[in-house]
């Protein structure tokens, strides 16, 4: 068993996921950016890290215990925003439950000895990336102009938190920790 790459995220399901993946594909093809296509549409709670694959069960159990403290809740999107000149994303309205969930996930994962040295930003800026890193400044600006003509005001039901692993050349959901109805 060797080292594997993982991250933790909220991964919307159903029609929202389908729409966001189609939008990411449109952006990827039109503006020649491929990096965001390696993952399902998601909101990152704990950024990518590497650990031995034999620690995967402990990661799953830690996530299960952490999310057991939360009830399902809804997020609201607020159109699109940007981290110029590299990232275009779906903006997510401030949500206290999301902030608490992110802090709990970060706290419980950082308690694991093999993740203590993982560097993560202390400022949480929830968003769903549509395009990033591998496009020219001109393509970024063209995409930004296109997104400014669009509206995306949706509700996203948060019912679980996902552990994703890099498999081949894609990030894949390998575990979903359900938020219980009666936490």
N, C-alpha and C. Protein backbone atom coordinates (compact mmCIF):
# COMPACT_ATOMS: atom_id res chain seq x y z
N UNK A 1 0.85 -1.18 0.00
CA UNK A 1 0.00 0.00 0.00
C UNK A 1 0.89 1.24 0.00
N UNK A 2 0.50 2.21 -0.82
CA UNK A 2 1.28 3.43 -0.91
C UNK A 2 0.47 4.64 -0.51
N UNK A 3 1.06 5.78 -0.73
CA UNK A 3 0.38 7.04 -0.43
C UNK A 3 -0.69 7.30 -1.47
N UNK A 4 -1.80 7.85 -1.01
CA UNK A 4 -2.91 8.25 -1.88
C UNK A 4 -3.26 9.69 -1.58
N UNK A 5 -3.87 10.36 -2.56
CA UNK A 5 -4.31 11.74 -2.38
C UNK A 5 -5.81 11.74 -2.12
N UNK A 6 -6.22 12.56 -1.13
CA UNK A 6 -7.62 12.67 -0.72
C UNK A 6 -7.98 14.14 -0.52
N UNK A 7 -9.27 14.42 -0.51
CA UNK A 7 -9.79 15.68 0.03
C UNK A 7 -11.22 15.47 0.49
N UNK A 8 -11.75 16.42 1.24
CA UNK A 8 -13.10 16.32 1.81
C UNK A 8 -13.94 17.46 1.27
N UNK A 9 -15.16 17.15 0.83
CA UNK A 9 -16.00 18.17 0.20
C UNK A 9 -17.47 17.83 0.32
N UNK A 10 -18.27 18.86 0.07
CA UNK A 10 -19.70 18.67 -0.16
C UNK A 10 -19.85 18.53 -1.67
N UNK A 11 -20.44 17.43 -2.10
CA UNK A 11 -20.62 17.16 -3.53
C UNK A 11 -22.13 17.08 -3.79
N UNK A 12 -22.69 18.14 -4.39
CA UNK A 12 -24.13 18.13 -4.67
C UNK A 12 -24.48 16.95 -5.57
N UNK A 13 -25.72 16.50 -5.44
CA UNK A 13 -26.19 15.39 -6.26
C UNK A 13 -27.34 15.85 -7.15
N UNK A 14 -27.76 14.98 -8.03
CA UNK A 14 -28.95 15.22 -8.83
C UNK A 14 -28.79 16.30 -9.88
N UNK A 15 -29.88 17.06 -10.08
CA UNK A 15 -29.92 18.06 -11.14
C UNK A 15 -28.87 19.15 -10.98
N UNK A 16 -28.58 19.54 -9.75
CA UNK A 16 -27.57 20.58 -9.52
C UNK A 16 -26.21 20.08 -10.00
N UNK A 17 -25.84 18.86 -9.64
CA UNK A 17 -24.56 18.29 -10.08
C UNK A 17 -24.51 18.21 -11.60
N UNK A 18 -25.59 17.75 -12.20
CA UNK A 18 -25.65 17.64 -13.66
C UNK A 18 -25.45 19.00 -14.31
N UNK A 19 -26.18 20.02 -13.83
CA UNK A 19 -26.05 21.36 -14.39
C UNK A 19 -24.63 21.89 -14.24
N UNK A 20 -24.06 21.76 -13.03
CA UNK A 20 -22.72 22.28 -12.78
C UNK A 20 -21.68 21.55 -13.62
N UNK A 21 -21.81 20.26 -13.79
CA UNK A 21 -20.86 19.52 -14.63
C UNK A 21 -20.98 19.96 -16.09
N UNK A 22 -22.20 20.18 -16.55
CA UNK A 22 -22.39 20.65 -17.93
C UNK A 22 -21.79 22.05 -18.11
N UNK A 23 -21.95 22.91 -17.11
CA UNK A 23 -21.37 24.25 -17.17
C UNK A 23 -19.84 24.17 -17.15
N UNK A 24 -19.28 23.31 -16.30
CA UNK A 24 -17.84 23.13 -16.26
C UNK A 24 -17.32 22.61 -17.61
N UNK A 25 -18.05 21.68 -18.23
CA UNK A 25 -17.65 21.15 -19.53
C UNK A 25 -17.68 22.25 -20.59
N UNK A 26 -18.74 23.06 -20.58
CA UNK A 26 -18.83 24.19 -21.52
C UNK A 26 -17.63 25.12 -21.35
N UNK A 27 -17.33 25.48 -20.11
CA UNK A 27 -16.20 26.38 -19.84
C UNK A 27 -14.90 25.72 -20.27
N UNK A 28 -14.74 24.44 -19.96
CA UNK A 28 -13.53 23.72 -20.32
C UNK A 28 -13.30 23.73 -21.83
N UNK A 29 -14.34 23.44 -22.58
CA UNK A 29 -14.21 23.36 -24.03
C UNK A 29 -14.06 24.74 -24.67
N UNK A 30 -14.84 25.70 -24.21
CA UNK A 30 -14.82 27.03 -24.83
C UNK A 30 -13.57 27.83 -24.48
N UNK A 31 -13.08 27.66 -23.26
CA UNK A 31 -11.97 28.50 -22.79
C UNK A 31 -10.70 27.71 -22.52
N UNK A 32 -10.64 26.50 -23.01
CA UNK A 32 -9.45 25.65 -22.91
C UNK A 32 -8.86 25.55 -21.50
N UNK A 33 -9.71 25.19 -20.56
CA UNK A 33 -9.26 24.92 -19.20
C UNK A 33 -9.75 23.54 -18.80
N UNK A 34 -8.86 22.71 -18.33
CA UNK A 34 -9.21 21.31 -18.05
C UNK A 34 -9.14 20.95 -16.56
N UNK A 35 -8.42 21.71 -15.76
CA UNK A 35 -8.15 21.33 -14.37
C UNK A 35 -9.41 21.05 -13.57
N UNK A 36 -10.44 21.89 -13.71
CA UNK A 36 -11.66 21.72 -12.91
C UNK A 36 -12.45 20.47 -13.31
N UNK A 37 -12.17 19.92 -14.48
CA UNK A 37 -12.90 18.73 -14.94
C UNK A 37 -12.41 17.45 -14.26
N UNK A 38 -11.37 17.53 -13.47
CA UNK A 38 -10.84 16.34 -12.80
C UNK A 38 -11.64 15.95 -11.57
N UNK A 39 -12.57 16.81 -11.15
CA UNK A 39 -13.39 16.56 -9.96
C UNK A 39 -14.86 16.76 -10.29
N UNK A 40 -15.74 16.09 -9.55
CA UNK A 40 -17.15 16.49 -9.65
C UNK A 40 -17.29 17.90 -9.08
N UNK A 41 -18.36 18.60 -9.43
CA UNK A 41 -18.61 19.91 -8.83
C UNK A 41 -18.70 19.72 -7.31
N UNK A 42 -18.01 20.57 -6.57
CA UNK A 42 -17.93 20.37 -5.12
C UNK A 42 -17.58 21.67 -4.41
N UNK A 43 -17.78 21.65 -3.11
CA UNK A 43 -17.38 22.72 -2.21
C UNK A 43 -16.38 22.11 -1.24
N UNK A 44 -15.13 22.51 -1.31
CA UNK A 44 -14.07 21.90 -0.50
C UNK A 44 -14.20 22.29 0.97
N UNK A 45 -14.12 21.28 1.84
CA UNK A 45 -14.09 21.50 3.28
C UNK A 45 -12.69 21.28 3.85
N UNK A 46 -11.92 20.38 3.24
CA UNK A 46 -10.54 20.12 3.66
C UNK A 46 -9.75 19.83 2.40
N UNK A 47 -8.70 20.63 2.12
CA UNK A 47 -8.00 20.56 0.83
C UNK A 47 -7.22 19.25 0.65
N UNK A 48 -6.77 19.00 -0.57
CA UNK A 48 -6.05 17.75 -0.84
C UNK A 48 -4.84 17.54 0.06
N UNK A 49 -4.65 16.26 0.42
CA UNK A 49 -3.55 15.83 1.26
C UNK A 49 -3.17 14.41 0.85
N UNK A 50 -1.98 14.00 1.25
CA UNK A 50 -1.50 12.64 0.96
C UNK A 50 -1.33 11.88 2.26
N UNK A 51 -1.83 10.64 2.27
CA UNK A 51 -1.60 9.74 3.40
C UNK A 51 -1.51 8.31 2.86
N UNK A 52 -0.97 7.43 3.70
CA UNK A 52 -0.93 6.01 3.33
C UNK A 52 -2.36 5.51 3.16
N UNK A 53 -2.54 4.68 2.16
CA UNK A 53 -3.87 4.14 1.86
C UNK A 53 -4.43 3.35 3.04
N UNK A 54 -3.57 2.78 3.87
CA UNK A 54 -4.06 2.01 5.02
C UNK A 54 -4.72 2.90 6.08
N UNK A 55 -4.65 4.22 5.92
CA UNK A 55 -5.31 5.15 6.84
C UNK A 55 -6.71 5.54 6.35
N UNK A 56 -7.10 5.03 5.19
CA UNK A 56 -8.38 5.43 4.59
C UNK A 56 -9.57 5.09 5.50
N UNK A 57 -9.58 3.93 6.11
CA UNK A 57 -10.70 3.56 6.98
C UNK A 57 -10.80 4.53 8.16
N UNK A 58 -9.66 4.93 8.71
CA UNK A 58 -9.67 5.89 9.81
C UNK A 58 -10.22 7.24 9.33
N UNK A 59 -9.87 7.66 8.13
CA UNK A 59 -10.43 8.90 7.57
C UNK A 59 -11.95 8.79 7.47
N UNK A 60 -12.44 7.68 6.95
CA UNK A 60 -13.89 7.48 6.81
C UNK A 60 -14.57 7.53 8.18
N UNK A 61 -14.01 6.82 9.15
CA UNK A 61 -14.60 6.79 10.49
C UNK A 61 -14.60 8.16 11.14
N UNK A 62 -13.51 8.90 10.95
CA UNK A 62 -13.42 10.25 11.51
C UNK A 62 -14.48 11.16 10.90
N UNK A 63 -14.66 11.08 9.59
CA UNK A 63 -15.71 11.87 8.95
C UNK A 63 -17.10 11.47 9.44
N UNK A 64 -17.34 10.18 9.54
CA UNK A 64 -18.65 9.70 10.01
C UNK A 64 -18.95 10.26 11.40
N UNK A 65 -17.97 10.19 12.30
CA UNK A 65 -18.17 10.71 13.67
C UNK A 65 -18.38 12.22 13.67
N UNK A 66 -17.66 12.92 12.82
CA UNK A 66 -17.75 14.38 12.78
C UNK A 66 -19.12 14.84 12.27
N UNK A 67 -19.56 14.29 11.16
CA UNK A 67 -20.83 14.77 10.59
C UNK A 67 -22.03 14.27 11.37
N UNK A 68 -21.85 13.27 12.22
CA UNK A 68 -22.96 12.78 13.04
C UNK A 68 -23.47 13.86 14.00
N UNK A 69 -22.69 14.92 14.18
CA UNK A 69 -23.07 16.01 15.08
C UNK A 69 -23.94 17.06 14.40
N UNK A 70 -24.21 16.91 13.09
CA UNK A 70 -24.91 17.93 12.31
C UNK A 70 -26.15 17.36 11.65
N UNK A 71 -27.15 18.23 11.52
CA UNK A 71 -28.35 17.87 10.75
C UNK A 71 -28.20 18.41 9.33
N UNK A 72 -28.92 17.80 8.37
CA UNK A 72 -28.91 18.35 7.02
C UNK A 72 -29.33 19.82 7.01
N UNK A 73 -28.79 20.57 6.05
CA UNK A 73 -29.14 21.99 5.92
C UNK A 73 -29.03 22.36 4.44
N UNK A 74 -29.45 23.56 4.12
CA UNK A 74 -29.42 24.03 2.74
C UNK A 74 -28.40 25.15 2.57
N UNK A 75 -27.75 25.14 1.41
CA UNK A 75 -26.90 26.24 0.99
C UNK A 75 -27.62 26.98 -0.11
N UNK A 76 -27.31 28.25 -0.26
CA UNK A 76 -27.86 29.03 -1.36
C UNK A 76 -26.71 29.58 -2.19
N UNK A 77 -26.84 29.43 -3.50
CA UNK A 77 -25.83 30.00 -4.39
C UNK A 77 -26.20 31.46 -4.66
N UNK A 78 -25.18 32.22 -5.02
CA UNK A 78 -25.37 33.64 -5.28
C UNK A 78 -24.60 34.03 -6.55
N UNK A 79 -25.02 33.43 -7.66
CA UNK A 79 -24.42 33.70 -8.96
C UNK A 79 -22.95 33.27 -9.00
N UNK A 80 -22.10 34.08 -9.63
CA UNK A 80 -20.72 33.69 -9.89
C UNK A 80 -19.77 34.75 -9.35
N UNK A 81 -18.56 34.32 -9.06
CA UNK A 81 -17.55 35.24 -8.58
C UNK A 81 -16.20 34.71 -9.05
N UNK A 82 -15.12 35.40 -8.65
CA UNK A 82 -13.81 35.11 -9.24
C UNK A 82 -12.70 35.40 -8.25
N UNK A 83 -11.61 34.65 -8.40
CA UNK A 83 -10.33 34.98 -7.79
C UNK A 83 -9.42 35.30 -8.98
N UNK A 84 -9.45 36.55 -9.47
CA UNK A 84 -8.68 36.88 -10.67
C UNK A 84 -7.19 36.64 -10.44
N UNK A 85 -6.47 36.24 -11.42
CA UNK A 85 -6.90 35.96 -12.80
C UNK A 85 -7.03 34.47 -13.09
N UNK A 86 -7.27 33.63 -12.06
CA UNK A 86 -7.16 32.19 -12.28
C UNK A 86 -8.42 31.38 -12.01
N UNK A 87 -9.35 31.84 -11.18
CA UNK A 87 -10.45 30.98 -10.74
C UNK A 87 -11.81 31.66 -10.96
N UNK A 88 -12.72 30.92 -11.60
CA UNK A 88 -14.13 31.33 -11.73
C UNK A 88 -14.94 30.30 -10.95
N UNK A 89 -15.94 30.78 -10.19
CA UNK A 89 -16.67 29.85 -9.33
C UNK A 89 -18.10 30.30 -9.08
N UNK A 90 -18.90 29.35 -8.59
CA UNK A 90 -20.24 29.64 -8.09
C UNK A 90 -20.06 30.17 -6.67
N UNK A 91 -20.62 31.35 -6.42
CA UNK A 91 -20.55 31.93 -5.08
C UNK A 91 -21.62 31.28 -4.20
N UNK A 92 -21.28 31.10 -2.93
CA UNK A 92 -22.20 30.51 -1.96
C UNK A 92 -22.43 31.53 -0.86
N UNK A 93 -23.71 31.77 -0.54
CA UNK A 93 -24.04 32.73 0.52
C UNK A 93 -23.51 32.24 1.86
N UNK A 94 -23.20 33.21 2.74
CA UNK A 94 -22.73 32.86 4.08
C UNK A 94 -23.78 31.97 4.76
N UNK A 95 -23.29 30.95 5.47
CA UNK A 95 -24.17 30.02 6.16
C UNK A 95 -23.46 29.55 7.42
N UNK A 96 -24.04 29.84 8.56
CA UNK A 96 -23.42 29.51 9.84
C UNK A 96 -23.25 27.99 10.01
N UNK A 97 -24.21 27.20 9.57
CA UNK A 97 -24.09 25.74 9.67
C UNK A 97 -22.89 25.24 8.85
N UNK A 98 -22.71 25.80 7.66
CA UNK A 98 -21.57 25.41 6.82
C UNK A 98 -20.26 25.78 7.52
N UNK A 99 -20.19 26.97 8.09
CA UNK A 99 -18.98 27.39 8.81
C UNK A 99 -18.67 26.43 9.96
N UNK A 100 -19.69 26.05 10.71
CA UNK A 100 -19.49 25.13 11.83
C UNK A 100 -19.04 23.75 11.34
N UNK A 101 -19.64 23.28 10.25
CA UNK A 101 -19.26 21.99 9.68
C UNK A 101 -17.81 22.01 9.22
N UNK A 102 -17.41 23.06 8.50
CA UNK A 102 -16.03 23.16 8.01
C UNK A 102 -15.06 23.17 9.19
N UNK A 103 -15.36 23.95 10.22
CA UNK A 103 -14.47 24.01 11.39
C UNK A 103 -14.36 22.64 12.07
N UNK A 104 -15.48 21.93 12.19
CA UNK A 104 -15.48 20.61 12.83
C UNK A 104 -14.67 19.61 12.00
N UNK A 105 -14.86 19.62 10.69
CA UNK A 105 -14.10 18.71 9.83
C UNK A 105 -12.61 19.02 9.94
N UNK A 106 -12.25 20.29 9.84
CA UNK A 106 -10.84 20.69 9.94
C UNK A 106 -10.27 20.27 11.29
N UNK A 107 -10.99 20.55 12.37
CA UNK A 107 -10.51 20.22 13.72
C UNK A 107 -10.29 18.71 13.88
N UNK A 108 -11.29 17.92 13.51
CA UNK A 108 -11.18 16.47 13.73
C UNK A 108 -10.15 15.82 12.82
N UNK A 109 -10.01 16.29 11.59
CA UNK A 109 -8.98 15.72 10.72
C UNK A 109 -7.58 16.13 11.18
N UNK A 110 -7.43 17.38 11.62
CA UNK A 110 -6.11 17.84 12.08
C UNK A 110 -5.69 17.13 13.38
N UNK A 111 -6.64 16.56 14.11
CA UNK A 111 -6.30 15.79 15.31
C UNK A 111 -5.61 14.48 14.97
N UNK A 112 -5.80 13.99 13.75
CA UNK A 112 -5.14 12.76 13.33
C UNK A 112 -3.66 13.06 13.15
N UNK A 113 -2.81 12.28 13.76
CA UNK A 113 -1.37 12.58 13.78
C UNK A 113 -0.79 12.75 12.38
N UNK A 114 -1.27 11.99 11.41
CA UNK A 114 -0.69 12.05 10.08
C UNK A 114 -1.17 13.25 9.27
N UNK A 115 -2.10 14.05 9.80
CA UNK A 115 -2.56 15.26 9.11
C UNK A 115 -2.21 16.54 9.84
N UNK A 116 -1.53 16.45 10.96
CA UNK A 116 -1.23 17.66 11.74
C UNK A 116 -0.42 18.68 10.97
N UNK A 117 0.45 18.22 10.07
CA UNK A 117 1.30 19.16 9.34
C UNK A 117 0.67 19.65 8.05
N UNK A 118 -0.54 19.19 7.72
CA UNK A 118 -1.20 19.62 6.48
C UNK A 118 -1.49 21.11 6.56
N UNK A 119 -1.04 21.84 5.56
CA UNK A 119 -1.25 23.29 5.51
C UNK A 119 -2.62 23.58 4.91
N UNK A 120 -3.44 24.33 5.64
CA UNK A 120 -4.71 24.79 5.11
C UNK A 120 -4.91 26.25 5.50
N UNK A 121 -5.60 26.96 4.64
CA UNK A 121 -5.86 28.36 4.93
C UNK A 121 -6.82 28.46 6.11
N UNK A 122 -6.58 29.45 6.95
CA UNK A 122 -7.48 29.63 8.09
C UNK A 122 -8.77 30.35 7.67
N UNK A 123 -8.74 31.03 6.54
CA UNK A 123 -9.93 31.74 6.06
C UNK A 123 -10.70 30.82 5.11
N UNK A 124 -11.92 30.48 5.47
CA UNK A 124 -12.77 29.62 4.67
C UNK A 124 -13.62 30.49 3.75
N UNK A 125 -13.49 30.29 2.45
CA UNK A 125 -14.25 31.04 1.45
C UNK A 125 -15.01 30.03 0.60
N UNK A 126 -16.21 29.62 1.04
CA UNK A 126 -16.92 28.55 0.34
C UNK A 126 -17.30 28.94 -1.09
N UNK A 127 -17.03 28.02 -2.02
CA UNK A 127 -17.34 28.25 -3.43
C UNK A 127 -17.27 26.92 -4.17
N UNK A 128 -17.81 26.91 -5.37
CA UNK A 128 -17.78 25.73 -6.24
C UNK A 128 -17.04 26.13 -7.51
N UNK A 129 -15.83 25.62 -7.69
CA UNK A 129 -14.98 26.02 -8.80
C UNK A 129 -15.53 25.52 -10.13
N UNK A 130 -15.52 26.43 -11.12
CA UNK A 130 -15.95 26.09 -12.48
C UNK A 130 -14.76 26.01 -13.44
N UNK A 131 -13.75 26.82 -13.21
CA UNK A 131 -12.55 26.83 -14.04
C UNK A 131 -11.42 27.40 -13.22
N UNK A 132 -10.21 26.84 -13.40
CA UNK A 132 -9.08 27.34 -12.62
C UNK A 132 -7.74 26.96 -13.21
N UNK A 133 -6.73 27.67 -12.80
CA UNK A 133 -5.31 27.41 -12.98
C UNK A 133 -4.79 27.38 -14.41
N UNK A 134 -5.36 26.59 -15.28
CA UNK A 134 -4.69 26.28 -16.54
C UNK A 134 -5.24 27.02 -17.75
N UNK A 135 -5.70 28.26 -17.57
CA UNK A 135 -6.16 29.01 -18.73
C UNK A 135 -5.41 30.33 -18.83
N UNK A 136 -5.47 30.90 -20.00
CA UNK A 136 -4.79 32.17 -20.21
C UNK A 136 -5.58 33.29 -19.56
N UNK A 137 -4.95 34.42 -19.26
CA UNK A 137 -5.69 35.57 -18.72
C UNK A 137 -6.81 36.02 -19.67
N UNK A 138 -6.57 35.90 -20.97
CA UNK A 138 -7.60 36.31 -21.94
C UNK A 138 -8.81 35.39 -21.86
N UNK A 139 -8.58 34.09 -21.76
CA UNK A 139 -9.70 33.15 -21.65
C UNK A 139 -10.45 33.36 -20.33
N UNK A 140 -9.70 33.62 -19.26
CA UNK A 140 -10.36 33.90 -17.98
C UNK A 140 -11.29 35.11 -18.11
N UNK A 141 -10.82 36.18 -18.71
CA UNK A 141 -11.64 37.39 -18.87
C UNK A 141 -12.87 37.13 -19.76
N UNK A 142 -12.70 36.36 -20.82
CA UNK A 142 -13.84 36.03 -21.68
C UNK A 142 -14.88 35.23 -20.90
N UNK A 143 -14.43 34.27 -20.12
CA UNK A 143 -15.34 33.47 -19.30
C UNK A 143 -16.04 34.34 -18.26
N UNK A 144 -15.29 35.21 -17.63
CA UNK A 144 -15.88 36.11 -16.62
C UNK A 144 -16.99 36.95 -17.24
N UNK A 145 -16.74 37.48 -18.44
CA UNK A 145 -17.77 38.28 -19.13
C UNK A 145 -19.01 37.44 -19.44
N UNK A 146 -18.80 36.20 -19.86
CA UNK A 146 -19.95 35.33 -20.14
C UNK A 146 -20.74 35.04 -18.86
N UNK A 147 -20.06 34.67 -17.78
CA UNK A 147 -20.75 34.35 -16.53
C UNK A 147 -21.51 35.55 -15.97
N UNK A 148 -21.02 36.77 -16.23
CA UNK A 148 -21.71 37.96 -15.74
C UNK A 148 -23.07 38.15 -16.41
N UNK A 149 -23.31 37.47 -17.52
CA UNK A 149 -24.61 37.57 -18.20
C UNK A 149 -25.58 36.51 -17.69
N UNK A 150 -25.11 35.62 -16.81
CA UNK A 150 -25.92 34.49 -16.35
C UNK A 150 -26.36 34.67 -14.90
N UNK A 151 -27.40 33.96 -14.54
CA UNK A 151 -27.90 33.94 -13.17
C UNK A 151 -27.87 32.51 -12.65
N UNK A 152 -27.42 32.35 -11.42
CA UNK A 152 -27.45 31.03 -10.79
C UNK A 152 -27.77 31.21 -9.32
N UNK A 153 -29.05 31.17 -9.00
CA UNK A 153 -29.55 31.31 -7.64
C UNK A 153 -30.29 30.03 -7.31
N UNK A 154 -29.62 29.13 -6.63
CA UNK A 154 -30.19 27.81 -6.35
C UNK A 154 -30.01 27.44 -4.89
N UNK A 155 -30.79 26.46 -4.47
CA UNK A 155 -30.67 25.87 -3.14
C UNK A 155 -30.00 24.52 -3.30
N UNK A 156 -28.99 24.27 -2.49
CA UNK A 156 -28.29 22.99 -2.50
C UNK A 156 -28.50 22.32 -1.15
N UNK A 157 -29.10 21.14 -1.16
CA UNK A 157 -29.32 20.39 0.06
C UNK A 157 -28.02 19.70 0.47
N UNK A 158 -27.59 19.98 1.69
CA UNK A 158 -26.39 19.33 2.22
C UNK A 158 -26.86 18.19 3.11
N UNK A 159 -26.65 16.97 2.62
CA UNK A 159 -27.09 15.78 3.34
C UNK A 159 -25.94 14.86 3.70
N UNK A 160 -24.77 15.15 3.14
CA UNK A 160 -23.60 14.34 3.45
C UNK A 160 -22.32 15.10 3.15
N UNK A 161 -21.23 14.56 3.63
CA UNK A 161 -19.89 15.08 3.36
C UNK A 161 -19.11 13.93 2.73
N UNK A 162 -18.36 14.25 1.68
CA UNK A 162 -17.69 13.21 0.89
C UNK A 162 -16.19 13.20 1.08
N UNK A 163 -15.65 11.99 1.06
CA UNK A 163 -14.21 11.79 0.97
C UNK A 163 -13.93 11.42 -0.48
N UNK A 164 -13.03 12.17 -1.11
CA UNK A 164 -12.66 11.91 -2.49
C UNK A 164 -11.21 11.45 -2.54
N UNK A 165 -10.92 10.55 -3.49
CA UNK A 165 -9.56 10.06 -3.70
C UNK A 165 -9.20 10.22 -5.17
N UNK A 166 -7.95 10.53 -5.41
CA UNK A 166 -7.45 10.68 -6.77
C UNK A 166 -7.17 9.28 -7.32
N UNK A 167 -7.94 8.89 -8.34
CA UNK A 167 -7.83 7.56 -8.93
C UNK A 167 -7.57 7.74 -10.42
N UNK A 168 -6.43 7.27 -10.88
CA UNK A 168 -6.07 7.47 -12.29
C UNK A 168 -5.77 8.94 -12.52
N UNK A 169 -6.64 9.61 -13.26
CA UNK A 169 -6.45 11.04 -13.52
C UNK A 169 -7.67 11.85 -13.07
N UNK A 170 -8.49 11.26 -12.18
CA UNK A 170 -9.73 11.90 -11.73
C UNK A 170 -9.88 11.79 -10.22
N UNK A 171 -10.58 12.76 -9.65
CA UNK A 171 -11.00 12.67 -8.25
C UNK A 171 -12.36 11.98 -8.22
N UNK A 172 -12.50 10.98 -7.36
CA UNK A 172 -13.76 10.23 -7.27
C UNK A 172 -14.23 10.16 -5.82
N UNK A 173 -15.55 10.26 -5.65
CA UNK A 173 -16.14 10.10 -4.32
C UNK A 173 -16.00 8.63 -3.94
N UNK A 174 -15.35 8.38 -2.79
CA UNK A 174 -15.19 6.99 -2.34
C UNK A 174 -15.99 6.72 -1.07
N UNK A 175 -16.48 7.79 -0.43
CA UNK A 175 -17.26 7.60 0.80
C UNK A 175 -18.13 8.82 1.04
N UNK A 176 -19.38 8.57 1.45
CA UNK A 176 -20.30 9.64 1.83
C UNK A 176 -20.69 9.45 3.28
N UNK A 177 -20.39 10.45 4.10
CA UNK A 177 -20.78 10.44 5.51
C UNK A 177 -22.08 11.22 5.62
N UNK A 178 -23.16 10.53 5.97
CA UNK A 178 -24.49 11.13 6.01
C UNK A 178 -24.68 12.00 7.25
N UNK A 179 -25.32 13.16 7.06
CA UNK A 179 -25.72 13.97 8.19
C UNK A 179 -27.05 13.42 8.69
N UNK A 180 -27.12 13.00 9.95
CA UNK A 180 -28.36 12.36 10.44
C UNK A 180 -29.49 13.38 10.60
N UNK A 181 -30.70 12.92 10.38
CA UNK A 181 -31.88 13.79 10.52
C UNK A 181 -32.11 14.23 11.95
N UNK A 182 -31.64 13.43 12.90
CA UNK A 182 -31.97 13.69 14.31
C UNK A 182 -30.75 13.97 15.17
N UNK A 183 -29.77 14.70 14.61
CA UNK A 183 -28.55 14.99 15.38
C UNK A 183 -28.85 15.93 16.54
